[in-house]
Amino acid sequence: MSASDPADPAPASRPEATEPLPTATATDAIDATGAAELAERVRAALLERALAAHEDARLQGLCMEGAWEAAVSAVRAFDVTALARRKPGGERP
């Protein structure tokens, strides 16, 4: 569709390619670093929990499919907000 196409829903509401992108600030970099650290902590905790649940299920005699289901259930039951409230060293705020 072109900008003059009457079927175009709202051409004026789309940003033009010539508009500058917002610039990152030092605060944005700190926020991005904090977000990346939190994401890594969540990823590590979920992986640890899934592997432990899978191993435990296999030791209890579950088949591979049952162990997989146990691992997925452990990930689903994980309280991500509790991890987010903890500091990187594991201490609570």
Foldseek 3Di string as FASTA:
>chain_A
DDLPDPVPDDSVVDDDPPDDDDDDDPVNVVVVVVVVLLVVQLVVVLVVQLVVQLVVCVVVPDDNVVSNVSSVVSSVPDDSVQSVQADSVRHGD
